[in-house]
């Protein structure tokens, strides 16, 4: 997790790590499938808002 005061170098390094690791893309695709099962983005947001 990035800290709020992370330097631009740390942010760039983290972004490069995420973009270079296929497991992040795979997880994002699975999350997209899960969210689409909620009836679209608006419905997903409504469900997520009930969790907080």
PDB file of N, CA and C in Angstrom:
ATOM      1  N   UNK A   1       0.847  -1.162   0.000  1.00  0.00           N
ATOM      2  CA  UNK A   1       0.000   0.000   0.000  1.00  0.00           C
ATOM      3  C   UNK A   1       0.899   1.233   0.000  1.00  0.00           C
ATOM      4  N   UNK A   2       0.519   2.199  -0.791  1.00  0.00           N
ATOM      5  CA  UNK A   2       1.260   3.458  -0.828  1.00  0.00           C
ATOM      6  C   UNK A   2       0.816   4.368   0.311  1.00  0.00           C
ATOM      7  N   UNK A   3       1.770   5.033   0.886  1.00  0.00           N
ATOM      8  CA  UNK A   3       1.471   6.010   1.935  1.00  0.00           C
ATOM      9  C   UNK A   3       1.107   7.340   1.271  1.00  0.00           C
ATOM     10  N   UNK A   4       0.315   8.152   1.939  1.00  0.00           N
ATOM     11  CA  UNK A   4      -0.079   9.445   1.351  1.00  0.00           C
ATOM     12  C   UNK A   4       1.109  10.341   0.988  1.00  0.00           C
ATOM     13  N   UNK A   5       2.221  10.178   1.677  1.00  0.00           N
ATOM     14  CA  UNK A   5       3.383  11.020   1.404  1.00  0.00           C
ATOM     15  C   UNK A   5       4.420  10.320   0.517  1.00  0.00           C
ATOM     16  N   UNK A   6       3.988   9.289  -0.211  1.00  0.00           N
ATOM     17  CA  UNK A   6       4.913   8.544  -1.078  1.00  0.00           C
ATOM     18  C   UNK A   6       5.510   9.471  -2.132  1.00  0.00           C
ATOM     19  N   UNK A   7       6.785   9.262  -2.396  1.00  0.00           N
ATOM     20  CA  UNK A   7       7.467  10.074  -3.404  1.00  0.00           C
ATOM     21  C   UNK A   7       7.038   9.641  -4.801  1.00  0.00           C
ATOM     22  N   UNK A   8       7.320  10.483  -5.778  1.00  0.00           N
ATOM     23  CA  UNK A   8       6.979  10.144  -7.159  1.00  0.00           C
ATOM     24  C   UNK A   8       7.737   8.900  -7.608  1.00  0.00           C
ATOM     25  N   UNK A   9       8.945   8.703  -7.088  1.00  0.00           N
ATOM     26  CA  UNK A   9       9.717   7.508  -7.433  1.00  0.00           C
ATOM     27  C   UNK A   9       9.046   6.242  -6.910  1.00  0.00           C
ATOM     28  N   UNK A  10       8.548   6.300  -5.701  1.00  0.00           N
ATOM     29  CA  UNK A  10       7.857   5.150  -5.116  1.00  0.00           C
ATOM     30  C   UNK A  10       6.578   4.868  -5.888  1.00  0.00           C
ATOM     31  N   UNK A  11       5.830   5.911  -6.219  1.00  0.00           N
ATOM     32  CA  UNK A  11       4.594   5.743  -6.984  1.00  0.00           C
ATOM     33  C   UNK A  11       4.895   5.143  -8.350  1.00  0.00           C
ATOM     34  N   UNK A  12       5.917   5.648  -9.024  1.00  0.00           N
ATOM     35  CA  UNK A  12       6.300   5.121 -10.338  1.00  0.00           C
ATOM     36  C   UNK A  12       6.736   3.666 -10.237  1.00  0.00           C
ATOM     37  N   UNK A  13       7.493   3.333  -9.229  1.00  0.00           N
ATOM     38  CA  UNK A  13       7.933   1.953  -9.045  1.00  0.00           C
ATOM     39  C   UNK A  13       6.771   1.003  -8.795  1.00  0.00           C
ATOM     40  N   UNK A  14       5.828   1.453  -7.992  1.00  0.00           N
ATOM     41  CA  UNK A  14       4.650   0.640  -7.704  1.00  0.00           C
ATOM     42  C   UNK A  14       3.802   0.455  -8.954  1.00  0.00           C
ATOM     43  N   UNK A  15       3.622   1.525  -9.722  1.00  0.00           N
ATOM     44  CA  UNK A  15       2.860   1.432 -10.970  1.00  0.00           C
ATOM     45  C   UNK A  15       3.538   0.467 -11.938  1.00  0.00           C
ATOM     46  N   UNK A  16       4.847   0.537 -12.046  1.00  0.00           N
ATOM     47  CA  UNK A  16       5.578  -0.367 -12.934  1.00  0.00           C
ATOM     48  C   UNK A  16       5.418  -1.814 -12.486  1.00  0.00           C
ATOM     49  N   UNK A  17       5.439  -2.042 -11.186  1.00  0.00           N
ATOM     50  CA  UNK A  17       5.255  -3.392 -10.657  1.00  0.00           C
ATOM     51  C   UNK A  17       3.871  -3.925 -11.021  1.00  0.00           C
ATOM     52  N   UNK A  18       2.853  -3.104 -10.822  1.00  0.00           N
ATOM     53  CA  UNK A  18       1.482  -3.520 -11.120  1.00  0.00           C
ATOM     54  C   UNK A  18       1.311  -3.794 -12.607  1.00  0.00           C
ATOM     55  N   UNK A  19       1.826  -2.906 -13.440  1.00  0.00           N
ATOM     56  CA  UNK A  19       1.676  -3.066 -14.882  1.00  0.00           C
ATOM     57  C   UNK A  19       2.487  -4.235 -15.424  1.00  0.00           C
ATOM     58  N   UNK A  20       3.552  -4.615 -14.737  1.00  0.00           N
ATOM     59  CA  UNK A  20       4.407  -5.686 -15.204  1.00  0.00           C
ATOM     60  C   UNK A  20       4.057  -7.058 -14.664  1.00  0.00           C
ATOM     61  N   UNK A  21       3.096  -7.138 -13.777  1.00  0.00           N
ATOM     62  CA  UNK A  21       2.741  -8.409 -13.139  1.00  0.00           C
ATOM     63  C   UNK A  21       1.358  -8.843 -13.612  1.00  0.00           C
ATOM     64  N   UNK A  22       1.308  -9.924 -14.369  1.00  0.00           N
ATOM     65  CA  UNK A  22       0.034 -10.367 -14.955  1.00  0.00           C
ATOM     66  C   UNK A  22      -0.991 -10.787 -13.902  1.00  0.00           C
ATOM     67  N   UNK A  23      -0.548 -11.071 -12.692  1.00  0.00           N
ATOM     68  CA  UNK A  23      -1.519 -11.462 -11.667  1.00  0.00           C
ATOM     69  C   UNK A  23      -2.451 -10.304 -11.303  1.00  0.00           C
ATOM     70  N   UNK A  24      -1.953  -9.063 -11.417  1.00  0.00           N
ATOM     71  CA  UNK A  24      -2.818  -7.915 -11.151  1.00  0.00           C
ATOM     72  C   UNK A  24      -3.906  -7.815 -12.219  1.00  0.00           C
ATOM     73  N   UNK A  25      -3.543  -8.028 -13.483  1.00  0.00           N
ATOM     74  CA  UNK A  25      -4.525  -7.987 -14.572  1.00  0.00           C
ATOM     75  C   UNK A  25      -5.545  -9.096 -14.402  1.00  0.00           C
ATOM     76  N   UNK A  26      -5.085 -10.264 -14.021  1.00  0.00           N
ATOM     77  CA  UNK A  26      -5.981 -11.397 -13.814  1.00  0.00           C
ATOM     78  C   UNK A  26      -6.974 -11.110 -12.686  1.00  0.00           C
ATOM     79  N   UNK A  27      -6.472 -10.561 -11.600  1.00  0.00           N
ATOM     80  CA  UNK A  27      -7.347 -10.230 -10.466  1.00  0.00           C
ATOM     81  C   UNK A  27      -8.344  -9.149 -10.847  1.00  0.00           C
ATOM     82  N   UNK A  28      -7.918  -8.172 -11.629  1.00  0.00           N
ATOM     83  CA  UNK A  28      -8.818  -7.107 -12.064  1.00  0.00           C
ATOM     84  C   UNK A  28      -9.922  -7.657 -12.964  1.00  0.00           C
ATOM     85  N   UNK A  29      -9.569  -8.584 -13.834  1.00  0.00           N
ATOM     86  CA  UNK A  29     -10.580  -9.200 -14.708  1.00  0.00           C
ATOM     87  C   UNK A  29     -11.597  -9.984 -13.886  1.00  0.00           C
ATOM     88  N   UNK A  30     -11.125 -10.720 -12.883  1.00  0.00           N
ATOM     89  CA  UNK A  30     -12.044 -11.473 -12.030  1.00  0.00           C
ATOM     90  C   UNK A  30     -12.952 -10.535 -11.244  1.00  0.00           C
ATOM     91  N   UNK A  31     -12.404  -9.435 -10.768  1.00  0.00           N
ATOM     92  CA  UNK A  31     -13.212  -8.453 -10.057  1.00  0.00           C
ATOM     93  C   UNK A  31     -14.271  -7.862 -10.982  1.00  0.00           C
ATOM     94  N   UNK A  32     -13.914  -7.608 -12.239  1.00  0.00           N
ATOM     95  CA  UNK A  32     -14.872  -7.079 -13.212  1.00  0.00           C
ATOM     96  C   UNK A  32     -16.023  -8.055 -13.433  1.00  0.00           C
ATOM     97  N   UNK A  33     -15.700  -9.347 -13.505  1.00  0.00           N
ATOM     98  CA  UNK A  33     -16.751 -10.366 -13.673  1.00  0.00           C
ATOM     99  C   UNK A  33     -17.673 -10.358 -12.458  1.00  0.00           C
ATOM    100  N   UNK A  34     -17.081 -10.296 -11.271  1.00  0.00           N
ATOM    101  CA  UNK A  34     -17.873 -10.283 -10.046  1.00  0.00           C
ATOM    102  C   UNK A  34     -18.785  -9.060  -9.999  1.00  0.00           C
ATOM    103  N   UNK A  35     -18.230  -7.896 -10.292  1.00  0.00           N
ATOM    104  CA  UNK A  35     -19.014  -6.655 -10.245  1.00  0.00           C
ATOM    105  C   UNK A  35     -20.127  -6.683 -11.289  1.00  0.00           C
ATOM    106  N   UNK A  36     -19.844  -7.222 -12.469  1.00  0.00           N
ATOM    107  CA  UNK A  36     -20.886  -7.255 -13.502  1.00  0.00           C
ATOM    108  C   UNK A  36     -22.058  -8.117 -13.068  1.00  0.00           C
ATOM    109  N   UNK A  37     -21.808  -9.079 -12.190  1.00  0.00           N
ATOM    110  CA  UNK A  37     -22.882  -9.914 -11.663  1.00  0.00           C
ATOM    111  C   UNK A  37     -23.821  -9.168 -10.734  1.00  0.00           C
ATOM    112  N   UNK A  38     -23.429  -8.003 -10.298  1.00  0.00           N
ATOM    113  CA  UNK A  38     -24.274  -7.195  -9.427  1.00  0.00           C
ATOM    114  C   UNK A  38     -25.270  -6.350 -10.207  1.00  0.00           C
ATOM    115  N   UNK A  39     -25.260  -6.449 -11.518  1.00  0.00           N
ATOM    116  CA  UNK A  39     -26.234  -5.693 -12.304  1.00  0.00           C
ATOM    117  C   UNK A  39     -25.689  -4.367 -12.799  1.00  0.00           C
ATOM    118  N   UNK A  40     -24.400  -4.280 -12.946  1.00  0.00           N
ATOM    119  CA  UNK A  40     -23.802  -3.050 -13.461  1.00  0.00           C
ATOM    120  C   UNK A  40     -23.138  -2.243 -12.370  1.00  0.00           C
ATOM    121  N   UNK A  41     -22.448  -1.233 -12.806  1.00  0.00           N
ATOM    122  CA  UNK A  41     -21.653  -0.422 -11.887  1.00  0.00           C
ATOM    123  C   UNK A  41     -22.518   0.281 -10.853  1.00  0.00           C
ATOM    124  N   UNK A  42     -23.649   0.819 -11.259  1.00  0.00           N
ATOM    125  CA  UNK A  42     -24.507   1.545 -10.311  1.00  0.00           C
ATOM    126  C   UNK A  42     -24.998   0.620  -9.211  1.00  0.00           C
ATOM    127  N   UNK A  43     -25.391  -0.584  -9.569  1.00  0.00           N
ATOM    128  CA  UNK A  43     -25.858  -1.545  -8.572  1.00  0.00           C
ATOM    129  C   UNK A  43     -24.699  -1.972  -7.671  1.00  0.00           C
ATOM    130  N   UNK A  44     -23.506  -2.176  -8.251  1.00  0.00           N
ATOM    131  CA  UNK A  44     -22.345  -2.551  -7.456  1.00  0.00           C
ATOM    132  C   UNK A  44     -22.019  -1.474  -6.429  1.00  0.00           C
ATOM    133  N   UNK A  45     -22.095  -0.228  -6.826  1.00  0.00           N
ATOM    134  CA  UNK A  45     -21.834   0.871  -5.890  1.00  0.00           C
ATOM    135  C   UNK A  45     -22.857   0.863  -4.772  1.00  0.00           C
ATOM    136  N   UNK A  46     -24.100   0.651  -5.107  1.00  0.00           N
ATOM    137  CA  UNK A  46     -25.156   0.616  -4.092  1.00  0.00           C
ATOM    138  C   UNK A  46     -24.895  -0.497  -3.083  1.00  0.00           C
ATOM    139  N   UNK A  47     -24.474  -1.668  -3.551  1.00  0.00           N
ATOM    140  CA  UNK A  47     -24.165  -2.785  -2.656  1.00  0.00           C
ATOM    141  C   UNK A  47     -22.952  -2.435  -1.786  1.00  0.00           C
ATOM    142  N   UNK A  48     -21.909  -1.888  -2.393  1.00  0.00           N
ATOM    143  CA  UNK A  48     -20.715  -1.537  -1.637  1.00  0.00           C
ATOM    144  C   UNK A  48     -21.004  -0.486  -0.568  1.00  0.00           C
ATOM    145  N   UNK A  49     -21.877   0.447  -0.873  1.00  0.00           N
ATOM    146  CA  UNK A  49     -22.204   1.502   0.092  1.00  0.00           C
ATOM    147  C   UNK A  49     -22.908   0.940   1.321  1.00  0.00           C
ATOM    148  N   UNK A  50     -23.582  -0.195   1.190  1.00  0.00           N
ATOM    149  CA  UNK A  50     -24.222  -0.786   2.353  1.00  0.00           C
ATOM    150  C   UNK A  50     -23.227  -1.468   3.282  1.00  0.00           C
ATOM    151  N   UNK A  51     -22.006  -1.702   2.802  1.00  0.00           N
ATOM    152  CA  UNK A  51     -20.992  -2.371   3.609  1.00  0.00           C
ATOM    153  C   UNK A  51     -20.283  -1.426   4.563  1.00  0.00           C
ATOM    154  N   UNK A  52     -20.297  -0.140   4.257  1.00  0.00           N
ATOM    155  CA  UNK A  52     -19.540   0.817   5.043  1.00  0.00           C
ATOM    156  C   UNK A  52     -20.275   1.359   6.174  1.00  0.00           C
TER     157      UNK A  52
END
